[in-house]
N, C-alpha and C. Protein backbone atom coordinates (compact mmCIF):
# COMPACT_ATOMS: atom_id res chain seq x y z
N MET A 1 49.85 -25.52 30.71
CA MET A 1 50.72 -26.38 31.60
C MET A 1 49.93 -26.24 32.96
N ASP A 2 49.42 -28.00 33.22
CA ASP A 2 49.07 -28.10 34.56
C ASP A 2 49.49 -27.30 36.23
N ASP A 3 48.98 -27.07 36.78
CA ASP A 3 49.47 -26.67 38.02
C ASP A 3 49.67 -28.10 38.77
N VAL A 4 51.33 -27.40 40.08
CA VAL A 4 51.73 -28.69 40.56
C VAL A 4 50.99 -28.26 41.74
N THR A 5 50.06 -29.49 42.85
CA THR A 5 49.53 -29.39 43.74
C THR A 5 50.11 -29.86 44.92
N TRP A 6 50.84 -29.55 46.11
CA TRP A 6 50.90 -30.06 47.09
C TRP A 6 49.61 -30.84 47.79
N VAL A 7 50.08 -31.72 48.33
CA VAL A 7 49.26 -32.91 48.68
C VAL A 7 49.20 -33.28 50.06
N PHE A 8 48.56 -33.08 51.11
CA PHE A 8 48.64 -33.14 52.73
C PHE A 8 48.12 -34.27 53.22
N ALA A 9 46.52 -34.37 53.09
CA ALA A 9 45.53 -35.66 53.41
C ALA A 9 44.52 -35.90 52.60
N ASN A 10 43.73 -36.89 52.75
CA ASN A 10 42.53 -36.87 52.52
C ASN A 10 42.20 -37.15 50.58
N TYR A 11 43.24 -37.53 50.03
CA TYR A 11 43.85 -37.71 48.69
C TYR A 11 43.19 -39.00 48.32
N ASP A 12 43.59 -39.12 47.04
CA ASP A 12 42.82 -40.52 46.58
C ASP A 12 44.20 -41.33 46.19
N TRP A 13 44.40 -41.77 47.38
CA TRP A 13 45.91 -42.68 47.54
C TRP A 13 45.76 -44.22 46.28
N ASP A 14 44.55 -44.46 45.92
CA ASP A 14 44.70 -45.35 45.13
C ASP A 14 44.91 -44.87 43.89
N ALA A 15 44.82 -43.70 43.60
CA ALA A 15 45.32 -43.40 42.34
C ALA A 15 46.49 -42.69 41.70
N VAL A 16 46.87 -42.51 43.19
CA VAL A 16 48.12 -42.18 43.33
C VAL A 16 49.28 -43.67 43.25
N LEU A 17 48.93 -44.78 43.76
CA LEU A 17 49.27 -45.80 43.62
C LEU A 17 49.40 -46.34 41.94
N LYS A 18 48.27 -46.22 41.58
CA LYS A 18 48.01 -46.60 40.22
C LYS A 18 48.88 -45.62 39.41
N LEU A 19 48.83 -44.45 39.60
CA LEU A 19 49.97 -43.82 38.47
C LEU A 19 51.41 -44.52 38.52
N LEU A 20 52.33 -44.68 40.33
CA LEU A 20 52.72 -45.16 40.06
C LEU A 20 53.26 -46.21 39.51
N GLN A 21 52.45 -47.50 40.01
CA GLN A 21 53.01 -48.93 38.99
C GLN A 21 52.49 -48.64 37.55
N ASP A 22 51.37 -47.90 36.95
CA ASP A 22 51.77 -47.96 35.75
C ASP A 22 52.86 -47.45 35.13
N SER A 23 53.36 -46.02 35.54
CA SER A 23 54.35 -45.36 35.05
C SER A 23 55.50 -46.10 35.50
N PHE A 24 55.60 -47.15 36.33
CA PHE A 24 57.12 -47.84 36.17
C PHE A 24 56.61 -49.20 35.94
N ALA A 25 56.10 -49.31 35.13
CA ALA A 25 55.53 -51.18 34.72
C ALA A 25 56.77 -51.16 33.60
N TYR A 26 57.20 -50.20 33.01
CA TYR A 26 58.14 -50.35 31.82
C TYR A 26 59.32 -51.18 32.44
N MET A 27 59.33 -50.91 33.73
CA MET A 27 61.04 -51.46 34.34
C MET A 27 60.76 -53.10 34.78
N ASP A 28 59.12 -53.43 34.48
CA ASP A 28 59.20 -55.01 34.87
C ASP A 28 60.31 -55.47 34.31
N GLY A 29 60.90 -56.85 34.45
CA GLY A 29 62.02 -57.72 33.54
C GLY A 29 63.04 -56.94 33.09
N ARG A 30 63.56 -55.83 33.68
CA ARG A 30 64.16 -54.96 33.49
C ARG A 30 65.72 -54.47 34.01
N ILE A 31 64.45 -54.64 35.72
CA ILE A 31 65.78 -53.98 36.52
C ILE A 31 65.70 -55.55 37.76
N ASP A 32 66.54 -55.72 38.39
CA ASP A 32 66.94 -56.84 39.26
C ASP A 32 67.58 -55.82 40.53
N PRO A 33 67.05 -55.59 41.52
CA PRO A 33 65.68 -56.41 41.96
C PRO A 33 64.59 -55.53 41.38
N PRO A 34 62.99 -56.24 41.12
CA PRO A 34 62.28 -55.52 40.57
C PRO A 34 62.03 -54.51 41.82
N SER A 35 61.11 -53.67 41.10
CA SER A 35 60.84 -52.46 42.04
C SER A 35 60.09 -52.56 43.34
N SER A 36 60.18 -51.71 44.08
CA SER A 36 59.32 -52.16 45.12
C SER A 36 58.04 -50.92 45.27
N VAL A 37 57.90 -50.71 44.17
CA VAL A 37 56.66 -50.04 43.92
C VAL A 37 55.64 -51.14 43.38
N ARG A 38 55.78 -52.00 42.85
CA ARG A 38 54.81 -53.36 43.08
C ARG A 38 54.23 -53.48 44.34
N ARG A 39 55.22 -53.47 45.33
CA ARG A 39 54.96 -54.14 46.70
C ARG A 39 54.11 -53.15 47.70
N LEU A 40 54.00 -51.92 47.01
CA LEU A 40 53.08 -50.68 47.50
C LEU A 40 51.34 -51.28 47.62
N THR A 41 51.24 -50.24 48.97
CA THR A 41 49.43 -50.19 49.25
C THR A 41 49.17 -48.70 49.16
N ALA A 42 47.93 -48.46 49.12
CA ALA A 42 47.34 -47.32 48.78
C ALA A 42 47.55 -46.38 50.31
N GLN A 43 47.59 -47.46 51.34
CA GLN A 43 47.75 -46.70 52.72
C GLN A 43 49.01 -46.55 53.06
N GLN A 44 49.71 -47.21 52.63
CA GLN A 44 51.84 -47.02 52.36
C GLN A 44 52.01 -45.36 51.82
N ILE A 45 51.38 -45.28 50.87
CA ILE A 45 51.43 -44.17 49.74
C ILE A 45 50.74 -42.94 50.65
N ALA A 46 49.87 -43.20 51.60
CA ALA A 46 49.30 -42.02 52.62
C ALA A 46 50.40 -41.77 53.80
N ASP A 47 50.64 -43.07 53.90
CA ASP A 47 51.80 -42.36 54.98
C ASP A 47 53.42 -42.26 54.66
N PHE A 48 53.37 -42.38 53.47
CA PHE A 48 54.48 -41.57 52.84
C PHE A 48 54.07 -39.84 52.79
N ALA A 49 53.11 -39.71 52.50
CA ALA A 49 52.76 -38.84 52.21
C ALA A 49 52.53 -37.73 53.54
N CYS A 50 52.37 -38.62 54.93
CA CYS A 50 52.56 -37.69 55.61
C CYS A 50 53.89 -37.63 56.49
N ASP A 51 55.05 -38.34 55.91
CA ASP A 51 56.49 -38.04 56.34
C ASP A 51 56.75 -37.10 55.37
N GLU A 52 56.52 -37.32 54.25
CA GLU A 52 57.54 -36.77 53.03
C GLU A 52 56.50 -35.99 52.22
N GLN A 53 56.96 -35.22 51.28
CA GLN A 53 55.72 -33.90 50.74
C GLN A 53 55.51 -34.75 49.70
N LEU A 54 54.48 -34.62 49.36
CA LEU A 54 53.99 -35.01 48.29
C LEU A 54 53.59 -34.04 46.66
N LEU A 55 53.75 -34.19 46.03
CA LEU A 55 53.53 -33.40 44.81
C LEU A 55 52.71 -34.00 43.76
N VAL A 56 52.16 -33.51 43.30
CA VAL A 56 50.72 -34.27 42.11
C VAL A 56 50.60 -33.11 40.96
N ILE A 57 50.74 -33.84 40.37
CA ILE A 57 50.03 -32.86 38.83
C ILE A 57 48.66 -33.49 38.28
N GLU A 58 47.83 -33.06 38.19
CA GLU A 58 46.65 -33.49 38.39
C GLU A 58 46.23 -33.11 36.45
N ASN A 59 45.29 -33.31 35.94
CA ASN A 59 44.66 -33.54 34.60
C ASN A 59 43.38 -32.74 34.96
N GLY A 60 42.22 -32.59 33.78
CA GLY A 60 41.38 -31.87 34.10
C GLY A 60 40.02 -32.61 35.05
N ASN A 61 40.35 -33.84 35.12
CA ASN A 61 39.52 -34.91 35.75
C ASN A 61 40.07 -34.66 37.38
N LYS A 62 40.64 -34.17 37.54
CA LYS A 62 41.32 -34.35 38.81
C LYS A 62 41.86 -35.52 39.36
N THR A 63 42.36 -36.34 38.13
CA THR A 63 43.05 -37.30 38.42
C THR A 63 44.73 -37.17 38.27
N PRO A 64 45.93 -37.90 39.01
CA PRO A 64 46.85 -37.70 39.14
C PRO A 64 47.65 -37.70 37.69
N VAL A 65 48.24 -37.28 37.18
CA VAL A 65 49.31 -37.87 35.68
C VAL A 65 50.65 -37.72 35.99
N ALA A 66 51.42 -36.93 37.27
CA ALA A 66 52.50 -37.01 37.55
C ALA A 66 52.58 -36.72 39.36
N CYS A 67 53.95 -37.16 39.58
CA CYS A 67 53.97 -36.85 41.33
C CYS A 67 55.13 -37.12 41.26
N ALA A 68 55.85 -36.85 42.88
CA ALA A 68 57.04 -36.84 43.26
C ALA A 68 57.00 -36.72 44.69
N PHE A 69 57.69 -37.17 45.65
CA PHE A 69 57.77 -37.44 46.90
C PHE A 69 59.05 -36.68 47.00
N LEU A 70 59.03 -35.27 47.95
CA LEU A 70 60.25 -34.92 48.17
C LEU A 70 60.81 -35.29 49.94
N SER A 71 61.78 -35.34 50.36
CA SER A 71 62.48 -35.44 51.56
C SER A 71 63.33 -34.76 52.19
N GLU A 72 63.47 -34.49 52.86
CA GLU A 72 64.78 -33.58 53.82
C GLU A 72 65.55 -34.98 53.90
N LYS A 73 66.96 -34.91 53.47
CA LYS A 73 68.24 -35.78 54.04
C LYS A 73 69.22 -34.07 54.81
N PRO A 74 69.83 -34.40 55.29
CA PRO A 74 71.24 -33.99 56.05
C PRO A 74 71.48 -32.68 55.13
N ASP A 75 71.96 -32.91 53.87
CA ASP A 75 72.15 -31.92 52.53
C ASP A 75 72.05 -31.70 51.48
N CYS A 76 70.41 -32.14 51.75
CA CYS A 76 70.08 -32.09 50.45
C CYS A 76 68.09 -31.95 50.93
N ILE A 77 67.51 -31.72 49.46
CA ILE A 77 66.46 -32.70 49.23
C ILE A 77 66.53 -33.43 48.21
N TYR A 78 65.87 -34.84 48.48
CA TYR A 78 65.85 -36.15 47.74
C TYR A 78 64.54 -36.24 47.31
N ILE A 79 64.65 -36.32 45.75
CA ILE A 79 63.25 -36.86 45.57
C ILE A 79 63.11 -38.14 44.69
N GLY A 80 62.33 -38.37 45.52
CA GLY A 80 61.77 -40.28 44.72
C GLY A 80 60.55 -40.21 44.11
N LYS A 81 60.39 -41.38 43.96
CA LYS A 81 58.95 -42.13 43.31
C LYS A 81 58.56 -40.86 42.20
N LEU A 82 59.10 -40.71 41.42
CA LEU A 82 59.10 -39.30 40.13
C LEU A 82 58.50 -40.25 39.07
N ALA A 83 57.46 -39.56 38.89
CA ALA A 83 56.65 -40.73 38.20
C ALA A 83 55.64 -39.74 37.10
N VAL A 84 55.38 -40.33 35.84
CA VAL A 84 55.00 -38.90 34.57
C VAL A 84 53.73 -40.35 33.97
N ALA A 85 52.75 -40.30 34.11
CA ALA A 85 51.71 -41.51 33.18
C ALA A 85 52.44 -41.67 31.77
N LYS A 86 52.13 -42.20 31.04
CA LYS A 86 52.74 -42.71 30.02
C LYS A 86 52.56 -41.63 28.46
N ARG A 87 50.75 -41.17 29.10
CA ARG A 87 50.06 -40.52 27.88
C ARG A 87 50.79 -39.03 28.34
N TYR A 88 50.72 -39.12 29.15
CA TYR A 88 51.12 -37.13 29.56
C TYR A 88 52.97 -36.72 29.15
N ARG A 89 53.63 -38.03 28.93
CA ARG A 89 55.12 -37.86 28.60
C ARG A 89 55.13 -36.60 27.99
N GLY A 90 56.39 -35.87 27.60
CA GLY A 90 57.01 -34.75 27.01
C GLY A 90 55.85 -33.53 27.09
N ARG A 91 55.53 -33.54 28.18
CA ARG A 91 54.64 -32.24 28.50
C ARG A 91 55.58 -31.21 29.29
N GLY A 92 56.55 -31.68 29.70
CA GLY A 92 57.46 -30.85 30.69
C GLY A 92 57.01 -31.24 32.12
N TYR A 93 56.16 -32.26 32.68
CA TYR A 93 56.05 -32.34 33.70
C TYR A 93 56.95 -32.78 34.93
N ALA A 94 57.70 -33.64 34.32
CA ALA A 94 59.22 -34.03 35.33
C ALA A 94 59.98 -32.94 35.41
N LYS A 95 60.28 -32.15 34.12
CA LYS A 95 60.67 -30.49 34.69
C LYS A 95 60.36 -30.02 35.40
N GLN A 96 58.72 -29.57 35.66
CA GLN A 96 57.78 -28.73 36.48
C GLN A 96 58.48 -29.45 37.99
N LEU A 97 58.13 -30.63 38.23
CA LEU A 97 58.48 -31.39 39.67
C LEU A 97 59.33 -30.98 40.07
N ILE A 98 60.71 -30.96 39.24
CA ILE A 98 62.04 -30.78 39.32
C ILE A 98 62.16 -29.20 40.08
N ALA A 99 61.64 -28.37 38.95
CA ALA A 99 61.65 -27.38 39.29
C ALA A 99 60.80 -26.57 40.67
N TYR A 100 59.78 -27.55 41.04
CA TYR A 100 59.07 -27.13 42.68
C TYR A 100 60.12 -27.61 43.46
N ALA A 101 60.91 -28.86 43.35
CA ALA A 101 61.89 -29.41 44.19
C ALA A 101 62.92 -28.42 44.58
N GLU A 102 63.23 -27.88 42.96
CA GLU A 102 64.72 -26.96 43.60
C GLU A 102 64.19 -25.77 44.03
N LYS A 103 62.75 -25.05 44.23
CA LYS A 103 62.51 -24.30 44.54
C LYS A 103 62.60 -24.30 46.48
N MET A 104 62.02 -25.46 46.59
CA MET A 104 61.80 -25.76 47.61
C MET A 104 63.48 -25.58 48.66
N ALA A 105 64.29 -26.52 47.80
CA ALA A 105 65.65 -26.80 48.31
C ALA A 105 65.86 -25.08 48.74
N ARG A 106 66.12 -24.57 47.46
CA ARG A 106 66.62 -23.40 47.94
C ARG A 106 65.95 -22.70 48.88
N ASN A 107 64.39 -22.26 49.34
CA ASN A 107 63.95 -21.87 50.26
C ASN A 107 64.41 -22.24 51.29
N GLN A 108 64.73 -23.51 51.65
CA GLN A 108 65.11 -24.04 52.69
C GLN A 108 66.64 -23.94 52.93
N GLY A 109 67.45 -23.59 52.33
CA GLY A 109 68.67 -23.55 52.66
C GLY A 109 69.52 -24.41 51.90
N PHE A 110 69.16 -25.50 51.22
CA PHE A 110 70.00 -26.95 50.69
C PHE A 110 70.91 -26.46 48.98
N SER A 111 71.75 -26.86 49.46
CA SER A 111 72.27 -26.41 47.97
C SER A 111 72.07 -27.66 47.18
N TYR A 112 71.52 -29.17 47.11
CA TYR A 112 71.41 -29.77 46.24
C TYR A 112 69.88 -30.49 45.91
N LEU A 113 69.53 -30.96 44.98
CA LEU A 113 68.89 -32.00 44.47
C LEU A 113 69.18 -33.15 44.90
N GLU A 114 68.80 -34.70 45.23
CA GLU A 114 69.25 -35.76 44.93
C GLU A 114 68.32 -36.65 44.46
N LEU A 115 68.69 -37.48 43.91
CA LEU A 115 67.58 -39.16 43.20
C LEU A 115 68.26 -40.21 43.04
N GLN A 116 67.72 -41.23 43.11
CA GLN A 116 68.27 -42.15 42.62
C GLN A 116 67.35 -43.20 41.66
N THR A 117 68.19 -43.71 40.76
CA THR A 117 67.62 -44.48 39.84
C THR A 117 68.53 -45.95 39.37
N ARG A 118 67.74 -46.27 38.81
CA ARG A 118 68.47 -48.09 38.61
C ARG A 118 69.68 -48.08 37.46
N ILE A 119 70.14 -48.71 37.59
CA ILE A 119 72.00 -48.87 36.98
C ILE A 119 71.36 -49.20 35.20
N GLU A 120 69.92 -50.13 35.28
CA GLU A 120 69.57 -50.44 33.97
C GLU A 120 69.21 -49.56 33.14
N LEU A 121 68.20 -48.70 33.74
CA LEU A 121 67.65 -47.51 33.16
C LEU A 121 68.66 -46.26 32.20
N THR A 122 69.51 -46.82 31.37
CA THR A 122 70.41 -45.71 31.08
C THR A 122 69.71 -44.51 30.71
N GLU A 123 68.21 -44.73 30.30
CA GLU A 123 67.53 -43.22 29.64
C GLU A 123 67.23 -42.78 30.33
N ASN A 124 66.76 -42.80 31.25
CA ASN A 124 66.43 -42.15 32.80
C ASN A 124 68.23 -41.10 33.61
N HIS A 125 69.02 -41.90 33.13
CA HIS A 125 70.57 -41.16 33.89
C HIS A 125 70.73 -40.07 32.38
N VAL A 126 70.37 -40.41 31.66
CA VAL A 126 70.31 -39.44 30.17
C VAL A 126 69.27 -37.88 30.45
N ALA A 127 68.11 -38.76 30.41
CA ALA A 127 67.21 -37.71 31.48
C ALA A 127 67.23 -36.48 32.31
N PHE A 128 68.03 -37.28 33.26
CA PHE A 128 68.36 -36.53 34.55
C PHE A 128 69.58 -35.66 34.40
N ALA A 129 70.10 -35.81 33.70
CA ALA A 129 71.65 -35.22 33.06
C ALA A 129 71.20 -34.16 32.35
N ARG A 130 70.12 -34.05 31.53
CA ARG A 130 69.34 -33.18 30.62
C ARG A 130 68.53 -32.00 32.12
N TYR A 131 68.34 -32.39 33.30
CA TYR A 131 68.00 -31.53 34.06
C TYR A 131 68.80 -30.97 34.97
N GLY A 132 70.34 -31.50 34.93
CA GLY A 132 71.43 -30.66 35.34
C GLY A 132 71.85 -31.82 36.69
N PHE A 133 71.28 -33.31 36.49
CA PHE A 133 72.00 -33.86 37.87
C PHE A 133 72.63 -34.71 36.89
N ARG A 134 73.89 -35.00 37.96
CA ARG A 134 75.26 -35.47 37.32
C ARG A 134 75.26 -36.75 38.65
N LYS A 135 76.04 -37.72 38.19
CA LYS A 135 76.34 -39.10 38.71
C LYS A 135 77.24 -38.45 40.01
N THR A 136 76.91 -39.21 41.26
CA THR A 136 77.80 -38.65 42.31
C THR A 136 77.86 -40.29 42.92
N ALA A 137 77.12 -41.23 42.84
CA ALA A 137 77.41 -42.41 43.59
C ALA A 137 77.07 -43.80 42.80
N GLU A 138 77.21 -44.28 43.04
CA GLU A 138 76.51 -45.92 43.26
C GLU A 138 76.49 -47.06 44.22
N GLY A 139 75.49 -47.80 44.29
CA GLY A 139 75.14 -48.34 45.31
C GLY A 139 74.54 -50.03 44.74
N ARG A 140 74.81 -50.24 45.72
CA ARG A 140 73.86 -51.95 45.99
C ARG A 140 72.56 -52.05 46.36
N HIS A 141 71.51 -52.75 46.13
CA HIS A 141 70.34 -53.50 46.92
C HIS A 141 71.02 -54.72 48.13
N PRO A 142 70.43 -54.43 48.83
CA PRO A 142 70.88 -55.72 49.93
C PRO A 142 71.09 -56.96 49.33
N GLY A 143 72.16 -57.59 49.18
CA GLY A 143 71.90 -58.90 48.08
C GLY A 143 72.95 -59.20 47.19
N PHE A 144 72.96 -58.20 46.61
CA PHE A 144 73.67 -57.63 45.37
C PHE A 144 75.02 -57.66 45.50
N GLU A 145 75.79 -57.92 44.48
CA GLU A 145 77.48 -58.00 44.47
C GLU A 145 77.39 -56.85 43.68
N ARG A 146 76.40 -56.79 42.63
CA ARG A 146 76.63 -56.07 41.57
C ARG A 146 76.08 -54.43 41.80
N THR A 147 76.58 -53.54 41.50
CA THR A 147 75.87 -52.22 41.70
C THR A 147 74.21 -52.40 40.58
N THR A 148 73.51 -51.49 41.32
CA THR A 148 72.03 -51.97 41.47
C THR A 148 71.39 -50.58 41.12
N GLU A 149 72.18 -49.03 41.52
CA GLU A 149 71.35 -47.92 41.71
C GLU A 149 72.68 -46.89 41.38
N ILE A 150 72.33 -45.81 40.87
CA ILE A 150 73.22 -44.85 40.87
C ILE A 150 72.54 -43.76 41.63
N THR A 151 73.45 -42.96 42.33
CA THR A 151 72.54 -41.61 43.04
C THR A 151 73.36 -40.88 42.01
N MET A 152 71.96 -39.61 41.66
CA MET A 152 72.48 -38.62 41.35
C MET A 152 72.42 -37.15 41.59
N ARG A 153 72.95 -36.13 41.51
CA ARG A 153 72.49 -34.71 42.21
C ARG A 153 72.66 -33.65 41.34
N LYS A 154 71.73 -32.71 41.73
CA LYS A 154 71.80 -31.38 41.00
C LYS A 154 71.90 -30.14 42.18
N LEU A 155 73.11 -29.08 41.65
CA LEU A 155 73.28 -28.46 42.50
C LEU A 155 72.47 -27.53 42.10
N VAL A 156 71.80 -26.73 43.26
CA VAL A 156 70.35 -25.67 42.92
C VAL A 156 70.90 -24.52 42.90
N SER A 157 70.19 -23.76 42.01
CA SER A 157 70.96 -22.33 41.59
C SER A 157 70.36 -21.49 42.67
N LYS A 158 70.96 -20.57 42.52
CA LYS A 158 70.72 -19.59 44.22
C LYS A 158 69.99 -18.28 43.52
């Protein structure tokens, strides 16, 4: 299995943007509102990596094939923009990224991991439940009367 790399600066932000946009493409036409990933730029990805911690798994050609952004909330580590390239799915990369996030949470004294997923993506709800996440809340994007996302949390093992 490939190693997880912490990315800090001077990375190929265009490659991370491409990974995110390609990985989230299956959501096009399925979720409303559309994913914000379509509006991101490489510079915004670089800016996120300054404010949050970016985990990347690369293939042998140093191309990112999986990633996740981690940030601290008052009581948890939040996992955002978790993505695995389509041809690399099923290799345990999401599990590996979540395990690193759990290790980070434990080392920093947090009891939970948290993430959000769209209400329409029921296959993601099932996948995250397999990793130990449980639904804790529902939310709406601005301007929506209906639930558009769910929050899921995982208790960090000691």
